[in-house]
Amino acid sequence: MKTLEMARATAPLSEYAKHIDEGPLVLTRKGKPVAALMSLEGSDMESVSLSMNPKFIALIEEARAQHRAGLGVTSDEIRREFGLKKRPAARRK
């Protein structure tokens, strides 16, 4: 991962973007990270947006904490609740 002090980042953004396939570029201010330029190839806008949404992240963390505490509901329990049949196991190749 490369870092670049913001005061030294004087080239056009497109110049920095040409090199993101080599890894992320982290922009720093007084040595502390403030932004990153990285490839999003293989991603979609919804995934990127959700991955940076504080409310969504908090929701995921809360669900993980409940799971760790054994408070989750299994898919089998949900199927029983709604009268759904258990899906057959996927066949492995």
Protein backbone atom coordinates (compact mmCIF):
# COMPACT_ATOMS: atom_id res chain seq x y z
CA MET A 1 0.00 0.00 0.00
CA LYS A 2 1.33 3.37 -0.96
CA THR A 3 0.82 6.58 0.96
CA LEU A 4 1.00 10.14 -0.23
CA GLU A 5 0.94 13.33 1.82
CA MET A 6 -1.91 15.55 0.58
CA ALA A 7 0.38 18.55 0.25
CA ARG A 8 2.42 16.56 -2.28
CA ALA A 9 -0.61 15.29 -4.23
CA THR A 10 -0.44 17.83 -7.02
CA ALA A 11 -1.09 15.64 -10.09
CA PRO A 12 -4.58 15.24 -11.55
CA LEU A 13 -6.66 12.52 -9.92
CA SER A 14 -6.62 10.54 -13.16
CA GLU A 15 -2.84 10.15 -12.86
CA TYR A 16 -3.15 8.51 -9.45
CA ALA A 17 -6.06 6.34 -10.64
CA LYS A 18 -3.89 4.84 -13.38
CA HIS A 19 -1.89 3.00 -10.71
CA ILE A 20 -4.61 1.62 -8.42
CA ASP A 21 -4.22 -1.86 -9.88
CA GLU A 22 -0.91 -1.91 -7.95
CA GLY A 23 -2.83 -1.44 -4.68
CA PRO A 24 -4.61 1.30 -2.73
CA LEU A 25 -3.19 4.79 -2.43
CA VAL A 26 -3.79 6.32 1.01
CA LEU A 27 -3.72 10.10 1.23
CA THR A 28 -2.43 11.45 4.51
CA ARG A 29 -2.45 14.78 6.32
CA LYS A 30 0.40 15.20 8.80
CA GLY A 31 1.00 11.46 8.54
CA LYS A 32 -2.59 10.47 9.39
CA PRO A 33 -4.81 8.77 6.77
CA VAL A 34 -7.67 10.90 5.48
CA ALA A 35 -8.70 9.25 2.21
CA ALA A 36 -7.97 6.28 -0.01
CA LEU A 37 -8.04 5.72 -3.73
CA MET A 38 -8.60 2.07 -4.57
CA SER A 39 -10.00 -0.18 -7.25
CA LEU A 40 -13.67 -1.05 -7.10
CA GLU A 41 -13.48 -3.51 -9.97
CA GLY A 42 -15.91 -6.34 -9.35
CA SER A 43 -18.00 -4.23 -6.97
CA ASP A 44 -21.33 -2.53 -7.48
CA MET A 45 -22.37 0.90 -6.22
CA GLU A 46 -24.88 -0.52 -3.73
CA SER A 47 -22.25 -2.70 -2.04
CA VAL A 48 -19.77 0.15 -1.89
CA SER A 49 -22.39 2.51 -0.49
CA LEU A 50 -23.54 0.05 2.19
CA SER A 51 -20.00 -0.84 3.22
CA MET A 52 -19.43 2.80 4.18
CA ASN A 53 -22.81 3.51 5.76
CA PRO A 54 -22.46 3.85 9.56
CA LYS A 55 -26.08 2.80 10.22
CA PHE A 56 -25.69 -0.35 8.10
CA ILE A 57 -22.37 -1.22 9.76
CA ALA A 58 -23.96 -0.78 13.21
CA LEU A 59 -26.84 -3.06 12.17
CA ILE A 60 -24.41 -5.77 11.01
CA GLU A 61 -22.36 -5.48 14.23
CA GLU A 62 -25.52 -5.77 16.34
CA ALA A 63 -26.56 -8.91 14.42
CA ARG A 64 -23.09 -10.41 14.90
CA ALA A 65 -23.22 -9.71 18.64
CA GLN A 66 -26.64 -11.37 18.90
CA HIS A 67 -25.34 -14.38 16.98
CA ARG A 68 -22.33 -14.69 19.31
CA ALA A 69 -24.69 -14.53 22.29
CA GLY A 70 -26.78 -17.36 20.83
CA LEU A 71 -29.80 -15.12 20.27
CA GLY A 72 -30.13 -15.74 16.54
CA VAL A 73 -32.80 -17.73 14.74
CA THR A 74 -31.74 -20.61 12.48
CA SER A 75 -33.03 -21.00 8.96
CA ASP A 76 -34.66 -24.28 10.04
CA GLU A 77 -36.60 -22.40 12.75
CA ILE A 78 -37.77 -19.84 10.20
CA ARG A 79 -38.88 -22.58 7.80
CA ARG A 80 -40.86 -24.29 10.58
CA GLU A 81 -42.44 -20.96 11.58
CA PHE A 82 -43.66 -20.34 8.03
CA GLY A 83 -44.43 -23.96 7.16
CA LEU A 84 -41.74 -24.18 4.50
CA LYS A 85 -40.02 -27.38 3.48
CA LYS A 86 -36.32 -27.81 4.10
CA ARG A 87 -34.34 -27.27 0.94
CA PRO A 88 -32.25 -30.20 -0.22
CA ALA A 89 -28.52 -29.89 0.42
CA ALA A 90 -26.53 -28.56 -2.52
CA ARG A 91 -24.63 -31.23 -4.40
CA ARG A 92 -20.88 -30.90 -4.39
CA LYS A 93 -18.89 -31.41 -7.53
